[in-house]
Amino acid sequence: TDDPWIIETEETKAGSNEKAILGLDDFLVKVSE
């Protein structure tokens, strides 16, 4: 009932109480930064 994960797209972004699921390329950029 309280899953925080949101698949991020151009239109949908994770809010303050949510966690982002990023595409592979975006993840690889974020993990390096």
PDB file of all heavy atoms in Angstrom:
ATOM      1  N   THR A   1       0.806  -1.224   0.000  1.00  0.00           N
ATOM      2  CA  THR A   1       0.000   0.000   0.000  1.00  0.00           C
ATOM      3  C   THR A   1       0.839   1.275   0.000  1.00  0.00           C
ATOM      4  O   THR A   1       0.344   2.332  -0.342  1.00  0.00           O
ATOM      5  CB  THR A   1      -0.938   0.032   1.222  1.00  0.00           C
ATOM      6  OG1 THR A   1      -0.152  -0.076   2.408  1.00  0.00           O
ATOM      7  CG2 THR A   1      -1.950  -1.099   1.156  1.00  0.00           C
ATOM      8  N   ASP A   2       2.081   1.191   0.375  1.00  0.00           N
ATOM      9  CA  ASP A   2       2.891   2.406   0.517  1.00  0.00           C
ATOM     10  C   ASP A   2       4.164   2.354  -0.315  1.00  0.00           C
ATOM     11  O   ASP A   2       5.223   2.768   0.130  1.00  0.00           O
ATOM     12  CB  ASP A   2       3.221   2.643   1.987  1.00  0.00           C
ATOM     13  CG  ASP A   2       3.964   1.465   2.611  1.00  0.00           C
ATOM     14  OD1 ASP A   2       4.042   0.393   1.968  1.00  0.00           O
ATOM     15  OD2 ASP A   2       4.467   1.616   3.735  1.00  0.00           O
ATOM     16  N   ASP A   3       4.067   1.859  -1.532  1.00  0.00           N
ATOM     17  CA  ASP A   3       5.238   1.750  -2.390  1.00  0.00           C
ATOM     18  C   ASP A   3       5.685   3.132  -2.865  1.00  0.00           C
ATOM     19  O   ASP A   3       4.893   3.872  -3.452  1.00  0.00           O
ATOM     20  CB  ASP A   3       4.924   0.866  -3.597  1.00  0.00           C
ATOM     21  CG  ASP A   3       6.146   0.676  -4.463  1.00  0.00           C
ATOM     22  OD1 ASP A   3       7.065  -0.042  -4.024  1.00  0.00           O
ATOM     23  OD2 ASP A   3       6.196   1.262  -5.562  1.00  0.00           O
ATOM     24  N   PRO A   4       6.951   3.502  -2.640  1.00  0.00           N
ATOM     25  CA  PRO A   4       7.410   4.850  -3.001  1.00  0.00           C
ATOM     26  C   PRO A   4       7.944   4.988  -4.422  1.00  0.00           C
ATOM     27  O   PRO A   4       8.267   6.094  -4.849  1.00  0.00           O
ATOM     28  CB  PRO A   4       8.544   5.086  -2.002  1.00  0.00           C
ATOM     29  CG  PRO A   4       9.134   3.724  -1.806  1.00  0.00           C
ATOM     30  CD  PRO A   4       7.955   2.770  -1.875  1.00  0.00           C
ATOM     31  N   TRP A   5       8.057   3.894  -5.184  1.00  0.00           N
ATOM     32  CA  TRP A   5       8.754   3.930  -6.464  1.00  0.00           C
ATOM     33  C   TRP A   5       7.874   4.413  -7.606  1.00  0.00           C
ATOM     34  O   TRP A   5       6.747   3.976  -7.766  1.00  0.00           O
ATOM     35  CB  TRP A   5       9.304   2.544  -6.799  1.00  0.00           C
ATOM     36  CG  TRP A   5      10.362   2.112  -5.835  1.00  0.00           C
ATOM     37  CD1 TRP A   5      10.208   1.277  -4.768  1.00  0.00           C
ATOM     38  CD2 TRP A   5      11.724   2.523  -5.829  1.00  0.00           C
ATOM     39  NE1 TRP A   5      11.398   1.137  -4.112  1.00  0.00           N
ATOM     40  CE2 TRP A   5      12.356   1.890  -4.742  1.00  0.00           C
ATOM     41  CE3 TRP A   5      12.478   3.358  -6.647  1.00  0.00           C
ATOM     42  CZ2 TRP A   5      13.708   2.079  -4.445  1.00  0.00           C
ATOM     43  CZ3 TRP A   5      13.821   3.536  -6.351  1.00  0.00           C
ATOM     44  CH2 TRP A   5      14.420   2.905  -5.265  1.00  0.00           C
ATOM     45  N   ILE A   6       8.445   5.318  -8.416  1.00  0.00           N
ATOM     46  CA  ILE A   6       7.786   5.904  -9.588  1.00  0.00           C
ATOM     47  C   ILE A   6       8.735   5.786 -10.779  1.00  0.00           C
ATOM     48  O   ILE A   6       9.897   6.189 -10.696  1.00  0.00           O
ATOM     49  CB  ILE A   6       7.474   7.411  -9.368  1.00  0.00           C
ATOM     50  CG1 ILE A   6       6.560   7.608  -8.177  1.00  0.00           C
ATOM     51  CG2 ILE A   6       6.909   8.051 -10.632  1.00  0.00           C
ATOM     52  CD1 ILE A   6       5.169   7.061  -8.355  1.00  0.00           C
ATOM     53  N   ILE A   7       8.229   5.224 -11.882  1.00  0.00           N
ATOM     54  CA  ILE A   7       9.037   5.193 -13.097  1.00  0.00           C
ATOM     55  C   ILE A   7       9.020   6.585 -13.703  1.00  0.00           C
ATOM     56  O   ILE A   7       7.960   7.102 -14.065  1.00  0.00           O
ATOM     57  CB  ILE A   7       8.508   4.152 -14.102  1.00  0.00           C
ATOM     58  CG1 ILE A   7       8.621   2.747 -13.508  1.00  0.00           C
ATOM     59  CG2 ILE A   7       9.270   4.248 -15.427  1.00  0.00           C
ATOM     60  CD1 ILE A   7       8.011   1.653 -14.359  1.00  0.00           C
ATOM     61  N   GLU A   8      10.186   7.199 -13.761  1.00  0.00           N
ATOM     62  CA  GLU A   8      10.264   8.566 -14.288  1.00  0.00           C
ATOM     63  C   GLU A   8      10.241   8.561 -15.806  1.00  0.00           C
ATOM     64  O   GLU A   8      10.889   7.746 -16.462  1.00  0.00           O
ATOM     65  CB  GLU A   8      11.519   9.277 -13.777  1.00  0.00           C
ATOM     66  CG  GLU A   8      11.386   9.706 -12.334  1.00  0.00           C
ATOM     67  CD  GLU A   8      12.348  10.822 -11.967  1.00  0.00           C
ATOM     68  OE1 GLU A   8      13.330  11.086 -12.690  1.00  0.00           O
ATOM     69  OE2 GLU A   8      12.093  11.456 -10.917  1.00  0.00           O
ATOM     70  N   THR A   9       9.477   9.507 -16.352  1.00  0.00           N
ATOM     71  CA  THR A   9       9.407   9.764 -17.783  1.00  0.00           C
ATOM     72  C   THR A   9       9.538  11.273 -17.979  1.00  0.00           C
ATOM     73  O   THR A   9       9.695  12.015 -17.008  1.00  0.00           O
ATOM     74  CB  THR A   9       8.064   9.272 -18.373  1.00  0.00           C
ATOM     75  OG1 THR A   9       7.000  10.032 -17.781  1.00  0.00           O
ATOM     76  CG2 THR A   9       7.844   7.782 -18.121  1.00  0.00           C
ATOM     77  N   GLU A  10       9.418  11.720 -19.208  1.00  0.00           N
ATOM     78  CA  GLU A  10       9.430  13.160 -19.470  1.00  0.00           C
ATOM     79  C   GLU A  10       8.282  13.848 -18.738  1.00  0.00           C
ATOM     80  O   GLU A  10       8.422  14.962 -18.247  1.00  0.00           O
ATOM     81  CB  GLU A  10       9.323  13.430 -20.971  1.00  0.00           C
ATOM     82  CG  GLU A  10      10.540  13.021 -21.765  1.00  0.00           C
ATOM     83  CD  GLU A  10      11.739  13.906 -21.490  1.00  0.00           C
ATOM     84  OE1 GLU A  10      11.563  15.124 -21.286  1.00  0.00           O
ATOM     85  OE2 GLU A  10      12.862  13.370 -21.477  1.00  0.00           O
ATOM     86  N   GLU A  11       7.126  13.172 -18.680  1.00  0.00           N
ATOM     87  CA  GLU A  11       5.928  13.761 -18.079  1.00  0.00           C
ATOM     88  C   GLU A  11       5.810  13.489 -16.578  1.00  0.00           C
ATOM     89  O   GLU A  11       5.172  14.250 -15.861  1.00  0.00           O
ATOM     90  CB  GLU A  11       4.656  13.210 -18.748  1.00  0.00           C
ATOM     91  CG  GLU A  11       4.556  13.457 -20.239  1.00  0.00           C
ATOM     92  CD  GLU A  11       5.338  12.439 -21.062  1.00  0.00           C
ATOM     93  OE1 GLU A  11       5.452  11.261 -20.654  1.00  0.00           O
ATOM     94  OE2 GLU A  11       5.870  12.832 -22.111  1.00  0.00           O
ATOM     95  N   THR A  12       6.392  12.403 -16.092  1.00  0.00           N
ATOM     96  CA  THR A  12       6.226  11.992 -14.701  1.00  0.00           C
ATOM     97  C   THR A  12       7.556  12.023 -13.974  1.00  0.00           C
ATOM     98  O   THR A  12       8.511  11.375 -14.393  1.00  0.00           O
ATOM     99  CB  THR A  12       5.649  10.558 -14.634  1.00  0.00           C
ATOM    100  OG1 THR A  12       4.475  10.492 -15.421  1.00  0.00           O
ATOM    101  CG2 THR A  12       5.352  10.145 -13.211  1.00  0.00           C
ATOM    102  N   LYS A  13       7.601  12.764 -12.878  1.00  0.00           N
ATOM    103  CA  LYS A  13       8.802  12.839 -12.046  1.00  0.00           C
ATOM    104  C   LYS A  13       8.435  12.451 -10.618  1.00  0.00           C
ATOM    105  O   LYS A  13       7.318  12.679 -10.162  1.00  0.00           O
ATOM    106  CB  LYS A  13       9.387  14.265 -12.055  1.00  0.00           C
ATOM    107  CG  LYS A  13       9.784  14.769 -13.421  1.00  0.00           C
ATOM    108  CD  LYS A  13      10.936  13.985 -13.988  1.00  0.00           C
ATOM    109  CE  LYS A  13      11.310  14.495 -15.376  1.00  0.00           C
ATOM    110  NZ  LYS A  13      12.160  13.605 -16.097  1.00  0.00           N
ATOM    111  N   ALA A  14       9.393  11.864  -9.910  1.00  0.00           N
ATOM    112  CA  ALA A  14       9.167  11.474  -8.526  1.00  0.00           C
ATOM    113  C   ALA A  14       9.039  12.715  -7.653  1.00  0.00           C
ATOM    114  O   ALA A  14       9.789  13.679  -7.803  1.00  0.00           O
ATOM    115  CB  ALA A  14      10.311  10.600  -8.037  1.00  0.00           C
ATOM    116  N   GLY A  15       8.074  12.684  -6.738  1.00  0.00           N
ATOM    117  CA  GLY A  15       7.865  13.780  -5.800  1.00  0.00           C
ATOM    118  C   GLY A  15       8.757  13.651  -4.577  1.00  0.00           C
ATOM    119  O   GLY A  15       9.636  12.779  -4.515  1.00  0.00           O
ATOM    120  N   SER A  16       8.519  14.475  -3.585  1.00  0.00           N
ATOM    121  CA  SER A  16       9.394  14.525  -2.405  1.00  0.00           C
ATOM    122  C   SER A  16       9.343  13.246  -1.575  1.00  0.00           C
ATOM    123  O   SER A  16      10.324  12.883  -0.947  1.00  0.00           O
ATOM    124  CB  SER A  16       9.038  15.730  -1.534  1.00  0.00           C
ATOM    125  OG  SER A  16       7.697  15.633  -1.100  1.00  0.00           O
ATOM    126  N   ASN A  17       8.227  12.548  -1.533  1.00  0.00           N
ATOM    127  CA  ASN A  17       8.109  11.309  -0.764  1.00  0.00           C
ATOM    128  C   ASN A  17       8.200  10.077  -1.651  1.00  0.00           C
ATOM    129  O   ASN A  17       7.829   8.984  -1.229  1.00  0.00           O
ATOM    130  CB  ASN A  17       6.789  11.271   0.008  1.00  0.00           C
ATOM    131  CG  ASN A  17       6.745  12.315   1.095  1.00  0.00           C
ATOM    132  OD1 ASN A  17       7.782  12.726   1.606  1.00  0.00           O
ATOM    133  ND2 ASN A  17       5.563  12.765   1.429  1.00  0.00           N
ATOM    134  N   GLU A  18       8.683  10.242  -2.875  1.00  0.00           N
ATOM    135  CA  GLU A  18       8.757   9.142  -3.823  1.00  0.00           C
ATOM    136  C   GLU A  18      10.207   8.925  -4.253  1.00  0.00           C
ATOM    137  O   GLU A  18      11.049   9.796  -4.102  1.00  0.00           O
ATOM    138  CB  GLU A  18       7.895   9.458  -5.052  1.00  0.00           C
ATOM    139  CG  GLU A  18       6.419   9.598  -4.716  1.00  0.00           C
ATOM    140  CD  GLU A  18       5.594  10.121  -5.870  1.00  0.00           C
ATOM    141  OE1 GLU A  18       6.103  10.941  -6.663  1.00  0.00           O
ATOM    142  OE2 GLU A  18       4.438   9.698  -5.966  1.00  0.00           O
ATOM    143  N   LYS A  19      10.456   7.721  -4.760  1.00  0.00           N
ATOM    144  CA  LYS A  19      11.785   7.374  -5.256  1.00  0.00           C
ATOM    145  C   LYS A  19      11.693   7.124  -6.755  1.00  0.00           C
ATOM    146  O   LYS A  19      10.746   6.500  -7.222  1.00  0.00           O
ATOM    147  CB  LYS A  19      12.307   6.127  -4.551  1.00  0.00           C
ATOM    148  CG  LYS A  19      12.521   6.333  -3.060  1.00  0.00           C
ATOM    149  CD  LYS A  19      13.018   5.063  -2.420  1.00  0.00           C
ATOM    150  CE  LYS A  19      13.224   5.271  -0.933  1.00  0.00           C
ATOM    151  NZ  LYS A  19      13.751   4.056  -0.293  1.00  0.00           N
ATOM    152  N   ALA A  20      12.691   7.581  -7.472  1.00  0.00           N
ATOM    153  CA  ALA A  20      12.683   7.499  -8.933  1.00  0.00           C
ATOM    154  C   ALA A  20      13.261   6.183  -9.433  1.00  0.00           C
ATOM    155  O   ALA A  20      14.289   5.714  -8.949  1.00  0.00           O
ATOM    156  CB  ALA A  20      13.483   8.656  -9.525  1.00  0.00           C
ATOM    157  N   ILE A  21      12.575   5.608 -10.419  1.00  0.00           N
ATOM    158  CA  ILE A  21      13.109   4.500 -11.201  1.00  0.00           C
ATOM    159  C   ILE A  21      13.524   5.124 -12.528  1.00  0.00           C
ATOM    160  O   ILE A  21      12.684   5.604 -13.288  1.00  0.00           O
ATOM    161  CB  ILE A  21      12.067   3.392 -11.426  1.00  0.00           C
ATOM    162  CG1 ILE A  21      11.589   2.824 -10.089  1.00  0.00           C
ATOM    163  CG2 ILE A  21      12.648   2.295 -12.304  1.00  0.00           C
ATOM    164  CD1 ILE A  21      10.432   1.839 -10.218  1.00  0.00           C
ATOM    165  N   LEU A  22      14.817   5.130 -12.781  1.00  0.00           N
ATOM    166  CA  LEU A  22      15.376   5.791 -13.967  1.00  0.00           C
ATOM    167  C   LEU A  22      15.645   4.777 -15.072  1.00  0.00           C
ATOM    168  O   LEU A  22      15.931   3.613 -14.795  1.00  0.00           O
ATOM    169  CB  LEU A  22      16.690   6.476 -13.602  1.00  0.00           C
ATOM    170  CG  LEU A  22      16.652   7.483 -12.453  1.00  0.00           C
ATOM    171  CD1 LEU A  22      18.065   7.886 -12.062  1.00  0.00           C
ATOM    172  CD2 LEU A  22      15.836   8.688 -12.846  1.00  0.00           C
ATOM    173  N   GLY A  23      15.590   5.237 -16.308  1.00  0.00           N
ATOM    174  CA  GLY A  23      16.032   4.417 -17.429  1.00  0.00           C
ATOM    175  C   GLY A  23      17.510   4.108 -17.275  1.00  0.00           C
ATOM    176  O   GLY A  23      18.230   4.805 -16.546  1.00  0.00           O
ATOM    177  N   LEU A  24      17.995   3.084 -17.951  1.00  0.00           N
ATOM    178  CA  LEU A  24      19.381   2.647 -17.776  1.00  0.00           C
ATOM    179  C   LEU A  24      20.384   3.759 -18.060  1.00  0.00           C
ATOM    180  O   LEU A  24      21.301   3.988 -17.262  1.00  0.00           O
ATOM    181  CB  LEU A  24      19.666   1.428 -18.665  1.00  0.00           C
ATOM    182  CG  LEU A  24      21.080   0.857 -18.574  1.00  0.00           C
ATOM    183  CD1 LEU A  24      21.416   0.435 -17.152  1.00  0.00           C
ATOM    184  CD2 LEU A  24      21.234  -0.294 -19.545  1.00  0.00           C
ATOM    185  N   ASP A  25      20.234   4.481 -19.154  1.00  0.00           N
ATOM    186  CA  ASP A  25      21.187   5.546 -19.479  1.00  0.00           C
ATOM    187  C   ASP A  25      21.169   6.655 -18.431  1.00  0.00           C
ATOM    188  O   ASP A  25      22.220   7.129 -18.003  1.00  0.00           O
ATOM    189  CB  ASP A  25      20.909   6.116 -20.872  1.00  0.00           C
ATOM    190  CG  ASP A  25      21.204   5.111 -21.973  1.00  0.00           C
ATOM    191  OD1 ASP A  25      22.018   4.185 -21.757  1.00  0.00           O
ATOM    192  OD2 ASP A  25      20.606   5.241 -23.069  1.00  0.00           O
ATOM    193  N   ASP A  26      19.963   7.075 -18.003  1.00  0.00           N
ATOM    194  CA  ASP A  26      19.858   8.109 -16.975  1.00  0.00           C
ATOM    195  C   ASP A  26      20.448   7.619 -15.649  1.00  0.00           C
ATOM    196  O   ASP A  26      21.097   8.376 -14.924  1.00  0.00           O
ATOM    197  CB  ASP A  26      18.399   8.527 -16.766  1.00  0.00           C
ATOM    198  CG  ASP A  26      17.845   9.277 -17.958  1.00  0.00           C
ATOM    199  OD1 ASP A  26      18.627   9.865 -18.733  1.00  0.00           O
ATOM    200  OD2 ASP A  26      16.609   9.282 -18.125  1.00  0.00           O
ATOM    201  N   PHE A  27      20.229   6.341 -15.330  1.00  0.00           N
ATOM    202  CA  PHE A  27      20.803   5.772 -14.111  1.00  0.00           C
ATOM    203  C   PHE A  27      22.326   5.832 -14.151  1.00  0.00           C
ATOM    204  O   PHE A  27      22.968   6.215 -13.174  1.00  0.00           O
ATOM    205  CB  PHE A  27      20.337   4.323 -13.916  1.00  0.00           C
ATOM    206  CG  PHE A  27      21.145   3.587 -12.888  1.00  0.00           C
ATOM    207  CD1 PHE A  27      20.918   3.803 -11.539  1.00  0.00           C
ATOM    208  CD2 PHE A  27      22.158   2.719 -13.266  1.00  0.00           C
ATOM    209  CE1 PHE A  27      21.688   3.141 -10.584  1.00  0.00           C
ATOM    210  CE2 PHE A  27      22.920   2.054 -12.319  1.00  0.00           C
ATOM    211  CZ  PHE A  27      22.684   2.268 -10.968  1.00  0.00           C
ATOM    212  N   LEU A  28      22.924   5.440 -15.281  1.00  0.00           N
ATOM    213  CA  LEU A  28      24.385   5.425 -15.385  1.00  0.00           C
ATOM    214  C   LEU A  28      24.971   6.828 -15.250  1.00  0.00           C
ATOM    215  O   LEU A  28      26.042   7.002 -14.656  1.00  0.00           O
ATOM    216  CB  LEU A  28      24.821   4.770 -16.699  1.00  0.00           C
ATOM    217  CG  LEU A  28      24.521   3.261 -16.786  1.00  0.00           C
ATOM    218  CD1 LEU A  28      24.794   2.742 -18.190  1.00  0.00           C
ATOM    219  CD2 LEU A  28      25.294   2.478 -15.741  1.00  0.00           C
ATOM    220  N   VAL A  29      24.267   7.841 -15.747  1.00  0.00           N
ATOM    221  CA  VAL A  29      24.707   9.226 -15.568  1.00  0.00           C
ATOM    222  C   VAL A  29      24.596   9.613 -14.097  1.00  0.00           C
ATOM    223  O   VAL A  29      25.536  10.143 -13.507  1.00  0.00           O
ATOM    224  CB  VAL A  29      23.877  10.189 -16.455  1.00  0.00           C
ATOM    225  CG1 VAL A  29      24.136  11.631 -16.074  1.00  0.00           C
ATOM    226  CG2 VAL A  29      24.190   9.949 -17.923  1.00  0.00           C
ATOM    227  N   LYS A  30      23.449   9.322 -13.484  1.00  0.00           N
ATOM    228  CA  LYS A  30      23.214   9.709 -12.083  1.00  0.00           C
ATOM    229  C   LYS A  30      24.192   9.016 -11.139  1.00  0.00           C
ATOM    230  O   LYS A  30      24.693   9.630 -10.200  1.00  0.00           O
ATOM    231  CB  LYS A  30      21.782   9.391 -11.675  1.00  0.00           C
ATOM    232  CG  LYS A  30      21.506   9.682 -10.225  1.00  0.00           C
ATOM    233  CD  LYS A  30      20.217  10.375 -10.037  1.00  0.00           C
ATOM    234  CE  LYS A  30      20.058  10.743  -8.574  1.00  0.00           C
ATOM    235  NZ  LYS A  30      19.009  11.652  -8.360  1.00  0.00           N
ATOM    236  N   VAL A  31      24.461   7.746 -11.374  1.00  0.00           N
ATOM    237  CA  VAL A  31      25.350   7.007 -10.481  1.00  0.00           C
ATOM    238  C   VAL A  31      26.779   7.550 -10.561  1.00  0.00           C
ATOM    239  O   VAL A  31      27.525   7.480  -9.585  1.00  0.00           O
ATOM    240  CB  VAL A  31      25.285   5.480 -10.748  1.00  0.00           C
ATOM    241  CG1 VAL A  31      26.102   5.064 -11.950  1.00  0.00           C
ATOM    242  CG2 VAL A  31      25.666   4.680  -9.536  1.00  0.00           C
ATOM    243  N   SER A  32      27.146   8.125 -11.689  1.00  0.00           N
ATOM    244  CA  SER A  32      28.484   8.712 -11.810  1.00  0.00           C
ATOM    245  C   SER A  32      28.566  10.098 -11.177  1.00  0.00           C
ATOM    246  O   SER A  32      29.656  10.574 -10.887  1.00  0.00           O
ATOM    247  CB  SER A  32      28.905   8.780 -13.278  1.00  0.00           C
ATOM    248  OG  SER A  32      28.131   9.735 -13.972  1.00  0.00           O
ATOM    249  N   GLU A  33      27.416  10.733 -10.957  1.00  0.00           N
ATOM    250  CA  GLU A  33      27.386  12.101 -10.428  1.00  0.00           C
ATOM    251  C   GLU A  33      27.057  12.199  -8.945  1.00  0.00           C
ATOM    252  O   GLU A  33      27.286  13.234  -8.342  1.00  0.00           O
ATOM    253  CB  GLU A  33      26.355  12.933 -11.198  1.00  0.00           C
ATOM    254  CG  GLU A  33      26.689  13.136 -12.655  1.00  0.00           C
ATOM    255  CD  GLU A  33      25.576  13.840 -13.413  1.00  0.00           C
ATOM    256  OE1 GLU A  33      24.463  13.966 -12.873  1.00  0.00           O
ATOM    257  OE2 GLU A  33      25.832  14.257 -14.556  1.00  0.00           O
TER     258      GLU A  33
END
